Amino acid sequence: MAERNYWLDLFTPQTWNEFLKAGASVSSFRESRWSAVQKIQVGDYLLCYLTGISRWVGVLEVTSKKPFKDMAPIWKDEDFPCRVKVKNVVQLDPETAVP
């Protein structure tokens, strides 16, 4: 396997909860991030940062061979169509997450 890369994955408290309720199997980004998302590879880690409370809440491992675009609803307020499949490596509660 190639060397693992690490990517920042920003969430608000609302989008983190929506991600978890949807099964925590797909992470996504805004359309404007598509060129960067296309560089994400299998085995890369997404480091999940919760804005608003400024804490690290998780680590996700990318499982999809290629990023993809999808408009299926996961999030209430935005579409975030640039997506990758993931598996949860570490998940912390916002109250006890790493500052």
PDB file of N, CA and C in Angstrom:
ATOM      1  N   MET A   1       0.844  -1.188   0.000  1.00  0.00           N
ATOM      2  CA  MET A   1       0.000   0.000   0.000  1.00  0.00           C
ATOM      3  C   MET A   1       0.882   1.243   0.000  1.00  0.00           C
ATOM      4  N   ALA A   2       0.449   2.253  -0.703  1.00  0.00           N
ATOM      5  CA  ALA A   2       1.172   3.527  -0.739  1.00  0.00           C
ATOM      6  C   ALA A   2       1.140   4.176   0.643  1.00  0.00           C
ATOM      7  N   GLU A   3       1.990   5.158   0.815  1.00  0.00           N
ATOM      8  CA  GLU A   3       2.030   5.870   2.085  1.00  0.00           C
ATOM      9  C   GLU A   3       0.670   6.522   2.363  1.00  0.00           C
ATOM     10  N   ARG A   4       0.234   6.417   3.602  1.00  0.00           N
ATOM     11  CA  ARG A   4      -1.066   6.975   4.003  1.00  0.00           C
ATOM     12  C   ARG A   4      -0.979   8.498   4.071  1.00  0.00           C
ATOM     13  N   ASN A   5      -2.005   9.155   3.553  1.00  0.00           N
ATOM     14  CA  ASN A   5      -2.134  10.603   3.671  1.00  0.00           C
ATOM     15  C   ASN A   5      -3.221  10.915   4.691  1.00  0.00           C
ATOM     16  N   TYR A   6      -3.130  12.089   5.273  1.00  0.00           N
ATOM     17  CA  TYR A   6      -4.076  12.541   6.285  1.00  0.00           C
ATOM     18  C   TYR A   6      -4.760  13.806   5.780  1.00  0.00           C
ATOM     19  N   TRP A   7      -6.076  13.848   5.928  1.00  0.00           N
ATOM     20  CA  TRP A   7      -6.881  14.954   5.419  1.00  0.00           C
ATOM     21  C   TRP A   7      -7.756  15.498   6.540  1.00  0.00           C
ATOM     22  N   LEU A   8      -7.991  16.804   6.509  1.00  0.00           N
ATOM     23  CA  LEU A   8      -8.890  17.434   7.460  1.00  0.00           C
ATOM     24  C   LEU A   8     -10.323  17.267   6.978  1.00  0.00           C
ATOM     25  N   ASP A   9     -11.197  16.821   7.877  1.00  0.00           N
ATOM     26  CA  ASP A   9     -12.616  16.648   7.574  1.00  0.00           C
ATOM     27  C   ASP A   9     -13.393  17.452   8.617  1.00  0.00           C
ATOM     28  N   LEU A  10     -13.924  18.595   8.200  1.00  0.00           N
ATOM     29  CA  LEU A  10     -14.611  19.490   9.127  1.00  0.00           C
ATOM     30  C   LEU A  10     -16.089  19.138   9.263  1.00  0.00           C
ATOM     31  N   PHE A  11     -16.569  19.183  10.490  1.00  0.00           N
ATOM     32  CA  PHE A  11     -17.979  18.964  10.798  1.00  0.00           C
ATOM     33  C   PHE A  11     -18.454  20.054  11.741  1.00  0.00           C
ATOM     34  N   THR A  12     -19.736  20.360  11.671  1.00  0.00           N
ATOM     35  CA  THR A  12     -20.381  21.136  12.723  1.00  0.00           C
ATOM     36  C   THR A  12     -21.016  20.105  13.658  1.00  0.00           C
ATOM     37  N   PRO A  13     -21.438  20.491  14.850  1.00  0.00           N
ATOM     38  CA  PRO A  13     -22.143  19.499  15.686  1.00  0.00           C
ATOM     39  C   PRO A  13     -23.321  18.860  14.952  1.00  0.00           C
ATOM     40  N   GLN A  14     -24.058  19.654  14.167  1.00  0.00           N
ATOM     41  CA  GLN A  14     -25.204  19.117  13.428  1.00  0.00           C
ATOM     42  C   GLN A  14     -24.761  18.127  12.358  1.00  0.00           C
ATOM     43  N   THR A  15     -23.758  18.494  11.529  1.00  0.00           N
ATOM     44  CA  THR A  15     -23.360  17.576  10.453  1.00  0.00           C
ATOM     45  C   THR A  15     -22.685  16.322  11.008  1.00  0.00           C
ATOM     46  N   TRP A  16     -22.010  16.400  12.149  1.00  0.00           N
ATOM     47  CA  TRP A  16     -21.423  15.212  12.778  1.00  0.00           C
ATOM     48  C   TRP A  16     -22.533  14.251  13.198  1.00  0.00           C
ATOM     49  N   ASN A  17     -23.581  14.783  13.823  1.00  0.00           N
ATOM     50  CA  ASN A  17     -24.705  13.934  14.234  1.00  0.00           C
ATOM     51  C   ASN A  17     -25.413  13.335  13.024  1.00  0.00           C
ATOM     52  N   GLU A  18     -25.562  14.114  11.970  1.00  0.00           N
ATOM     53  CA  GLU A  18     -26.197  13.599  10.756  1.00  0.00           C
ATOM     54  C   GLU A  18     -25.341  12.506  10.118  1.00  0.00           C
ATOM     55  N   PHE A  19     -24.034  12.688  10.114  1.00  0.00           N
ATOM     56  CA  PHE A  19     -23.101  11.679   9.609  1.00  0.00           C
ATOM     57  C   PHE A  19     -23.255  10.369  10.390  1.00  0.00           C
ATOM     58  N   LEU A  20     -23.283  10.462  11.718  1.00  0.00           N
ATOM     59  CA  LEU A  20     -23.418   9.273  12.550  1.00  0.00           C
ATOM     60  C   LEU A  20     -24.769   8.593  12.337  1.00  0.00           C
ATOM     61  N   LYS A  21     -25.840   9.365  12.262  1.00  0.00           N
ATOM     62  CA  LYS A  21     -27.188   8.804  12.069  1.00  0.00           C
ATOM     63  C   LYS A  21     -27.335   8.123  10.716  1.00  0.00           C
ATOM     64  N   ALA A  22     -26.558   8.590   9.721  1.00  0.00           N
ATOM     65  CA  ALA A  22     -26.610   7.998   8.376  1.00  0.00           C
ATOM     66  C   ALA A  22     -25.762   6.729   8.280  1.00  0.00           C
ATOM     67  N   GLY A  23     -25.145   6.313   9.383  1.00  0.00           N
ATOM     68  CA  GLY A  23     -24.368   5.080   9.382  1.00  0.00           C
ATOM     69  C   GLY A  23     -22.869   5.280   9.400  1.00  0.00           C
ATOM     70  N   ALA A  24     -22.401   6.513   9.373  1.00  0.00           N
ATOM     71  CA  ALA A  24     -20.967   6.831   9.441  1.00  0.00           C
ATOM     72  C   ALA A  24     -20.155   6.079   8.386  1.00  0.00           C
ATOM     73  N   SER A  25     -20.728   5.945   7.192  1.00  0.00           N
ATOM     74  CA  SER A  25     -20.037   5.182   6.148  1.00  0.00           C
ATOM     75  C   SER A  25     -19.678   6.015   4.920  1.00  0.00           C
ATOM     76  N   VAL A  26     -20.138   7.256   4.867  1.00  0.00           N
ATOM     77  CA  VAL A  26     -19.823   8.144   3.752  1.00  0.00           C
ATOM     78  C   VAL A  26     -19.506   9.523   4.309  1.00  0.00           C
ATOM     79  N   SER A  27     -18.339  10.040   3.951  1.00  0.00           N
ATOM     80  CA  SER A  27     -18.001  11.409   4.303  1.00  0.00           C
ATOM     81  C   SER A  27     -17.994  12.220   3.020  1.00  0.00           C
ATOM     82  N   SER A  28     -18.251  13.515   3.158  1.00  0.00           N
ATOM     83  CA  SER A  28     -18.348  14.293   1.927  1.00  0.00           C
ATOM     84  C   SER A  28     -17.916  15.736   2.129  1.00  0.00           C
ATOM     85  N   PHE A  29     -17.775  16.395   0.996  1.00  0.00           N
ATOM     86  CA  PHE A  29     -17.219  17.736   0.948  1.00  0.00           C
ATOM     87  C   PHE A  29     -18.003  18.578  -0.056  1.00  0.00           C
ATOM     88  N   ARG A  30     -17.834  19.879   0.049  1.00  0.00           N
ATOM     89  CA  ARG A  30     -18.488  20.804  -0.889  1.00  0.00           C
ATOM     90  C   ARG A  30     -17.947  20.607  -2.304  1.00  0.00           C
ATOM     91  N   GLU A  31     -18.758  21.014  -3.267  1.00  0.00           N
ATOM     92  CA  GLU A  31     -18.376  20.941  -4.684  1.00  0.00           C
ATOM     93  C   GLU A  31     -17.055  21.663  -4.945  1.00  0.00           C
ATOM     94  N   SER A  32     -16.824  22.766  -4.264  1.00  0.00           N
ATOM     95  CA  SER A  32     -15.604  23.551  -4.470  1.00  0.00           C
ATOM     96  C   SER A  32     -14.335  22.790  -4.075  1.00  0.00           C
ATOM     97  N   ARG A  33     -14.460  21.700  -3.333  1.00  0.00           N
ATOM     98  CA  ARG A  33     -13.323  20.890  -2.883  1.00  0.00           C
ATOM     99  C   ARG A  33     -13.057  19.680  -3.783  1.00  0.00           C
ATOM    100  N   TRP A  34     -13.784  19.549  -4.909  1.00  0.00           N
ATOM    101  CA  TRP A  34     -13.681  18.357  -5.747  1.00  0.00           C
ATOM    102  C   TRP A  34     -12.257  18.066  -6.194  1.00  0.00           C
ATOM    103  N   SER A  35     -11.491  19.069  -6.607  1.00  0.00           N
ATOM    104  CA  SER A  35     -10.125  18.804  -7.083  1.00  0.00           C
ATOM    105  C   SER A  35      -9.265  18.220  -5.956  1.00  0.00           C
ATOM    106  N   ALA A  36      -9.434  18.666  -4.733  1.00  0.00           N
ATOM    107  CA  ALA A  36      -8.686  18.110  -3.602  1.00  0.00           C
ATOM    108  C   ALA A  36      -9.205  16.718  -3.242  1.00  0.00           C
ATOM    109  N   VAL A  37     -10.520  16.537  -3.256  1.00  0.00           N
ATOM    110  CA  VAL A  37     -11.123  15.241  -2.901  1.00  0.00           C
ATOM    111  C   VAL A  37     -10.663  14.151  -3.857  1.00  0.00           C
ATOM    112  N   GLN A  38     -10.433  14.487  -5.110  1.00  0.00           N
ATOM    113  CA  GLN A  38      -9.992  13.495  -6.096  1.00  0.00           C
ATOM    114  C   GLN A  38      -8.613  12.922  -5.760  1.00  0.00           C
ATOM    115  N   LYS A  39      -7.871  13.561  -4.887  1.00  0.00           N
ATOM    116  CA  LYS A  39      -6.550  13.070  -4.485  1.00  0.00           C
ATOM    117  C   LYS A  39      -6.616  12.102  -3.305  1.00  0.00           C
ATOM    118  N   ILE A  40      -7.769  11.975  -2.676  1.00  0.00           N
ATOM    119  CA  ILE A  40      -7.938  11.075  -1.538  1.00  0.00           C
ATOM    120  C   ILE A  40      -7.937   9.633  -2.053  1.00  0.00           C
ATOM    121  N   GLN A  41      -7.209   8.751  -1.347  1.00  0.00           N
ATOM    122  CA  GLN A  41      -7.055   7.367  -1.787  1.00  0.00           C
ATOM    123  C   GLN A  41      -7.475   6.384  -0.693  1.00  0.00           C
ATOM    124  N   VAL A  42      -7.690   5.145  -1.109  1.00  0.00           N
ATOM    125  CA  VAL A  42      -7.986   4.072  -0.164  1.00  0.00           C
ATOM    126  C   VAL A  42      -6.893   4.023   0.901  1.00  0.00           C
ATOM    127  N   GLY A  43      -7.303   3.908   2.152  1.00  0.00           N
ATOM    128  CA  GLY A  43      -6.358   3.807   3.260  1.00  0.00           C
ATOM    129  C   GLY A  43      -5.990   5.145   3.876  1.00  0.00           C
ATOM    130  N   ASP A  44      -6.287   6.244   3.197  1.00  0.00           N
ATOM    131  CA  ASP A  44      -6.030   7.559   3.786  1.00  0.00           C
ATOM    132  C   ASP A  44      -6.918   7.759   5.006  1.00  0.00           C
ATOM    133  N   TYR A  45      -6.472   8.602   5.911  1.00  0.00           N
ATOM    134  CA  TYR A  45      -7.243   8.919   7.110  1.00  0.00           C
ATOM    135  C   TYR A  45      -7.817  10.321   6.989  1.00  0.00           C
ATOM    136  N   LEU A  46      -9.083  10.448   7.365  1.00  0.00           N
ATOM    137  CA  LEU A  46      -9.729  11.747   7.494  1.00  0.00           C
ATOM    138  C   LEU A  46      -9.782  12.065   8.980  1.00  0.00           C
ATOM    139  N   LEU A  47      -9.156  13.171   9.370  1.00  0.00           N
ATOM    140  CA  LEU A  47      -9.138  13.593  10.766  1.00  0.00           C
ATOM    141  C   LEU A  47     -10.315  14.535  10.978  1.00  0.00           C
ATOM    142  N   CYS A  48     -11.246  14.127  11.810  1.00  0.00           N
ATOM    143  CA  CYS A  48     -12.523  14.819  11.966  1.00  0.00           C
ATOM    144  C   CYS A  48     -12.460  15.870  13.064  1.00  0.00           C
ATOM    145  N   TYR A  49     -12.675  17.111  12.657  1.00  0.00           N
ATOM    146  CA  TYR A  49     -12.612  18.259  13.563  1.00  0.00           C
ATOM    147  C   TYR A  49     -13.990  18.882  13.664  1.00  0.00           C
ATOM    148  N   LEU A  50     -14.433  19.080  14.890  1.00  0.00           N
ATOM    149  CA  LEU A  50     -15.755  19.645  15.143  1.00  0.00           C
ATOM    150  C   LEU A  50     -15.629  21.143  15.361  1.00  0.00           C
ATOM    151  N   THR A  51     -16.114  21.914  14.384  1.00  0.00           N
ATOM    152  CA  THR A  51     -16.074  23.371  14.515  1.00  0.00           C
ATOM    153  C   THR A  51     -17.094  23.809  15.557  1.00  0.00           C
ATOM    154  N   GLY A  52     -16.931  24.996  16.048  1.00  0.00           N
ATOM    155  CA  GLY A  52     -17.854  25.490  17.065  1.00  0.00           C
ATOM    156  C   GLY A  52     -17.370  25.175  18.464  1.00  0.00           C
ATOM    157  N   ILE A  53     -16.969  23.911  18.687  1.00  0.00           N
ATOM    158  CA  ILE A  53     -16.404  23.539  19.996  1.00  0.00           C
ATOM    159  C   ILE A  53     -14.907  23.255  19.899  1.00  0.00           C
ATOM    160  N   SER A  54     -14.371  23.308  18.681  1.00  0.00           N
ATOM    161  CA  SER A  54     -12.922  23.172  18.446  1.00  0.00           C
ATOM    162  C   SER A  54     -12.329  21.919  19.077  1.00  0.00           C
ATOM    163  N   ARG A  55     -12.828  20.775  18.647  1.00  0.00           N
ATOM    164  CA  ARG A  55     -12.341  19.494  19.166  1.00  0.00           C
ATOM    165  C   ARG A  55     -12.231  18.457  18.060  1.00  0.00           C
ATOM    166  N   TRP A  56     -11.263  17.557  18.227  1.00  0.00           N
ATOM    167  CA  TRP A  56     -11.078  16.421  17.318  1.00  0.00           C
ATOM    168  C   TRP A  56     -11.991  15.308  17.801  1.00  0.00           C
ATOM    169  N   VAL A  57     -12.905  14.858  16.925  1.00  0.00           N
ATOM    170  CA  VAL A  57     -13.906  13.874  17.341  1.00  0.00           C
ATOM    171  C   VAL A  57     -13.759  12.505  16.681  1.00  0.00           C
ATOM    172  N   GLY A  58     -12.867  12.370  15.720  1.00  0.00           N
ATOM    173  CA  GLY A  58     -12.777  11.064  15.100  1.00  0.00           C
ATOM    174  C   GLY A  58     -11.700  10.950  14.044  1.00  0.00           C
ATOM    175  N   VAL A  59     -11.485   9.702  13.647  1.00  0.00           N
ATOM    176  CA  VAL A  59     -10.594   9.358  12.542  1.00  0.00           C
ATOM    177  C   VAL A  59     -11.364   8.373  11.671  1.00  0.00           C
ATOM    178  N   LEU A  60     -11.414   8.658  10.371  1.00  0.00           N
ATOM    179  CA  LEU A  60     -12.087   7.789   9.412  1.00  0.00           C
ATOM    180  C   LEU A  60     -11.069   7.270   8.414  1.00  0.00           C
ATOM    181  N   GLU A  61     -11.183   5.999   8.070  1.00  0.00           N
ATOM    182  CA  GLU A  61     -10.317   5.433   7.034  1.00  0.00           C
ATOM    183  C   GLU A  61     -11.098   5.339   5.731  1.00  0.00           C
ATOM    184  N   VAL A  62     -10.515   5.849   4.670  1.00  0.00           N
ATOM    185  CA  VAL A  62     -11.165   5.832   3.354  1.00  0.00           C
ATOM    186  C   VAL A  62     -11.155   4.409   2.812  1.00  0.00           C
ATOM    187  N   THR A  63     -12.341   3.944   2.362  1.00  0.00           N
ATOM    188  CA  THR A  63     -12.464   2.584   1.834  1.00  0.00           C
ATOM    189  C   THR A  63     -12.826   2.558   0.347  1.00  0.00           C
ATOM    190  N   SER A  64     -13.265   3.688  -0.212  1.00  0.00           N
ATOM    191  CA  SER A  64     -13.623   3.686  -1.634  1.00  0.00           C
ATOM    192  C   SER A  64     -12.377   3.904  -2.490  1.00  0.00           C
ATOM    193  N   LYS A  65     -12.327   3.180  -3.604  1.00  0.00           N
ATOM    194  CA  LYS A  65     -11.156   3.273  -4.485  1.00  0.00           C
ATOM    195  C   LYS A  65     -11.075   4.629  -5.165  1.00  0.00           C
ATOM    196  N   LYS A  66     -12.217   5.236  -5.400  1.00  0.00           N
ATOM    197  CA  LYS A  66     -12.250   6.549  -6.047  1.00  0.00           C
ATOM    198  C   LYS A  66     -13.315   7.403  -5.372  1.00  0.00           C
ATOM    199  N   PRO A  67     -13.045   8.687  -5.209  1.00  0.00           N
ATOM    200  CA  PRO A  67     -14.100   9.598  -4.762  1.00  0.00           C
ATOM    201  C   PRO A  67     -15.208   9.633  -5.812  1.00  0.00           C
ATOM    202  N   PHE A  68     -16.390   9.995  -5.395  1.00  0.00           N
ATOM    203  CA  PHE A  68     -17.521  10.033  -6.312  1.00  0.00           C
ATOM    204  C   PHE A  68     -18.434  11.194  -5.950  1.00  0.00           C
ATOM    205  N   LYS A  69     -19.303  11.520  -6.878  1.00  0.00           N
ATOM    206  CA  LYS A  69     -20.299  12.565  -6.630  1.00  0.00           C
ATOM    207  C   LYS A  69     -21.660  11.908  -6.473  1.00  0.00           C
ATOM    208  N   ASP A  70     -22.405  12.393  -5.488  1.00  0.00           N
ATOM    209  CA  ASP A  70     -23.724  11.841  -5.188  1.00  0.00           C
ATOM    210  C   ASP A  70     -24.549  12.932  -4.525  1.00  0.00           C
ATOM    211  N   MET A  71     -25.800  13.016  -4.877  1.00  0.00           N
ATOM    212  CA  MET A  71     -26.688  14.023  -4.294  1.00  0.00           C
ATOM    213  C   MET A  71     -27.703  13.395  -3.337  1.00  0.00           C
ATOM    214  N   ALA A  72     -27.562  12.107  -3.030  1.00  0.00           N
ATOM    215  CA  ALA A  72     -28.489  11.470  -2.092  1.00  0.00           C
ATOM    216  C   ALA A  72     -28.449  12.233  -0.766  1.00  0.00           C
ATOM    217  N   PRO A  73     -29.610  12.527  -0.205  1.00  0.00           N
ATOM    218  CA  PRO A  73     -29.632  13.344   1.014  1.00  0.00           C
ATOM    219  C   PRO A  73     -29.056  12.623   2.233  1.00  0.00           C
ATOM    220  N   ILE A  74     -28.104  13.267   2.867  1.00  0.00           N
ATOM    221  CA  ILE A  74     -27.555  12.821   4.152  1.00  0.00           C
ATOM    222  C   ILE A  74     -27.650  13.987   5.131  1.00  0.00           C
ATOM    223  N   TRP A  75     -27.309  15.179   4.634  1.00  0.00           N
ATOM    224  CA  TRP A  75     -27.259  16.365   5.479  1.00  0.00           C
ATOM    225  C   TRP A  75     -28.459  17.256   5.207  1.00  0.00           C
ATOM    226  N   LYS A  76     -28.956  17.884   6.239  1.00  0.00           N
ATOM    227  CA  LYS A  76     -30.176  18.680   6.142  1.00  0.00           C
ATOM    228  C   LYS A  76     -29.971  19.995   5.396  1.00  0.00           C
ATOM    229  N   ASP A  77     -28.907  20.724   5.691  1.00  0.00           N
ATOM    230  CA  ASP A  77     -28.764  22.082   5.193  1.00  0.00           C
ATOM    231  C   ASP A  77     -27.935  22.236   3.924  1.00  0.00           C
ATOM    232  N   GLU A  78     -27.133  21.229   3.574  1.00  0.00           N
ATOM    233  CA  GLU A  78     -26.314  21.290   2.364  1.00  0.00           C
ATOM    234  C   GLU A  78     -26.204  19.896   1.758  1.00  0.00           C
ATOM    235  N   ASP A  79     -25.806  19.854   0.473  1.00  0.00           N
ATOM    236  CA  ASP A  79     -25.712  18.565  -0.215  1.00  0.00           C
ATOM    237  C   ASP A  79     -24.358  17.880  -0.027  1.00  0.00           C
ATOM    238  N   PHE A  80     -23.255  18.615  -0.034  1.00  0.00           N
ATOM    239  CA  PHE A  80     -21.916  18.037   0.052  1.00  0.00           C
ATOM    240  C   PHE A  80     -21.789  16.856  -0.926  1.00  0.00           C
ATOM    241  N   PRO A  81     -21.769  17.137  -2.237  1.00  0.00           N
ATOM    242  CA  PRO A  81     -21.832  16.068  -3.241  1.00  0.00           C
ATOM    243  C   PRO A  81     -20.540  15.292  -3.483  1.00  0.00           C
ATOM    244  N   CYS A  82     -19.397  15.785  -3.047  1.00  0.00           N
ATOM    245  CA  CYS A  82     -18.118  15.110  -3.293  1.00  0.00           C
ATOM    246  C   CYS A  82     -17.865  14.137  -2.150  1.00  0.00           C
ATOM    247  N   ARG A  83     -17.903  12.848  -2.435  1.00  0.00           N
ATOM    248  CA  ARG A  83     -17.972  11.859  -1.354  1.00  0.00           C
ATOM    249  C   ARG A  83     -16.933  10.745  -1.474  1.00  0.00           C
ATOM    250  N   VAL A  84     -16.641  10.166  -0.314  1.00  0.00           N
ATOM    251  CA  VAL A  84     -15.800   8.969  -0.220  1.00  0.00           C
ATOM    252  C   VAL A  84     -16.428   8.042   0.814  1.00  0.00           C
ATOM    253  N   LYS A  85     -16.300   6.750   0.569  1.00  0.00           N
ATOM    254  CA  LYS A  85     -16.755   5.769   1.553  1.00  0.00           C
ATOM    255  C   LYS A  85     -15.682   5.641   2.624  1.00  0.00           C
ATOM    256  N   VAL A  86     -16.131   5.465   3.875  1.00  0.00           N
ATOM    257  CA  VAL A  86     -15.211   5.424   5.005  1.00  0.00           C
ATOM    258  C   VAL A  86     -15.643   4.373   6.017  1.00  0.00           C
ATOM    259  N   LYS A  87     -14.695   4.027   6.888  1.00  0.00           N
ATOM    260  CA  LYS A  87     -15.033   3.239   8.069  1.00  0.00           C
ATOM    261  C   LYS A  87     -14.475   3.996   9.271  1.00  0.00           C
ATOM    262  N   ASN A  88     -15.201   3.892  10.360  1.00  0.00           N
ATOM    263  CA  ASN A  88     -14.843   4.582  11.581  1.00  0.00           C
ATOM    264  C   ASN A  88     -13.662   3.884  12.254  1.00  0.00           C
ATOM    265  N   VAL A  89     -12.574   4.601  12.479  1.00  0.00           N
ATOM    266  CA  VAL A  89     -11.416   4.060  13.184  1.00  0.00           C
ATOM    267  C   VAL A  89     -11.470   4.486  14.644  1.00  0.00           C
ATOM    268  N   VAL A  90     -11.759   5.771  14.873  1.00  0.00           N
ATOM    269  CA  VAL A  90     -11.885   6.329  16.224  1.00  0.00           C
ATOM    270  C   VAL A  90     -13.063   7.277  16.226  1.00  0.00           C
ATOM    271  N   GLN A  91     -13.918   7.154  17.235  1.00  0.00           N
ATOM    272  CA  GLN A  91     -15.049   8.068  17.388  1.00  0.00           C
ATOM    273  C   GLN A  91     -15.127   8.487  18.852  1.00  0.00           C
ATOM    274  N   LEU A  92     -15.115   9.790  19.087  1.00  0.00           N
ATOM    275  CA  LEU A  92     -15.199  10.319  20.441  1.00  0.00           C
ATOM    276  C   LEU A  92     -16.478  11.128  20.598  1.00  0.00           C
ATOM    277  N   ASP A  93     -16.980  11.193  21.811  1.00  0.00           N
ATOM    278  CA  ASP A  93     -18.117  12.058  22.095  1.00  0.00           C
ATOM    279  C   ASP A  93     -17.614  13.499  22.106  1.00  0.00           C
ATOM    280  N   PRO A  94     -18.396  14.431  21.579  1.00  0.00           N
ATOM    281  CA  PRO A  94     -17.959  15.825  21.558  1.00  0.00           C
ATOM    282  C   PRO A  94     -17.555  16.355  22.948  1.00  0.00           C
ATOM    283  N   GLU A  95     -18.231  15.883  23.982  1.00  0.00           N
ATOM    284  CA  GLU A  95     -17.950  16.360  25.338  1.00  0.00           C
ATOM    285  C   GLU A  95     -16.578  15.916  25.840  1.00  0.00           C
ATOM    286  N   THR A  96     -16.081  14.793  25.333  1.00  0.00           N
ATOM    287  CA  THR A  96     -14.801  14.255  25.825  1.00  0.00           C
ATOM    288  C   THR A  96     -13.744  14.205  24.726  1.00  0.00           C
ATOM    289  N   ALA A  97     -14.014  14.857  23.590  1.00  0.00           N
ATOM    290  CA  ALA A  97     -13.090  14.836  22.460  1.00  0.00           C
ATOM    291  C   ALA A  97     -11.834  15.660  22.763  1.00  0.00           C
ATOM    292  N   VAL A  98     -10.837  15.491  21.927  1.00  0.00           N
ATOM    293  CA  VAL A  98      -9.533  16.123  22.126  1.00  0.00           C
ATOM    294  C   VAL A  98      -9.592  17.598  21.707  1.00  0.00           C
ATOM    295  N   PRO A  99      -9.278  18.528  22.631  1.00  0.00           N
ATOM    296  CA  PRO A  99      -9.278  19.957  22.293  1.00  0.00           C
ATOM    297  C   PRO A  99      -8.201  20.299  21.279  1.00  0.00           C
TER     298      PRO A  99
END
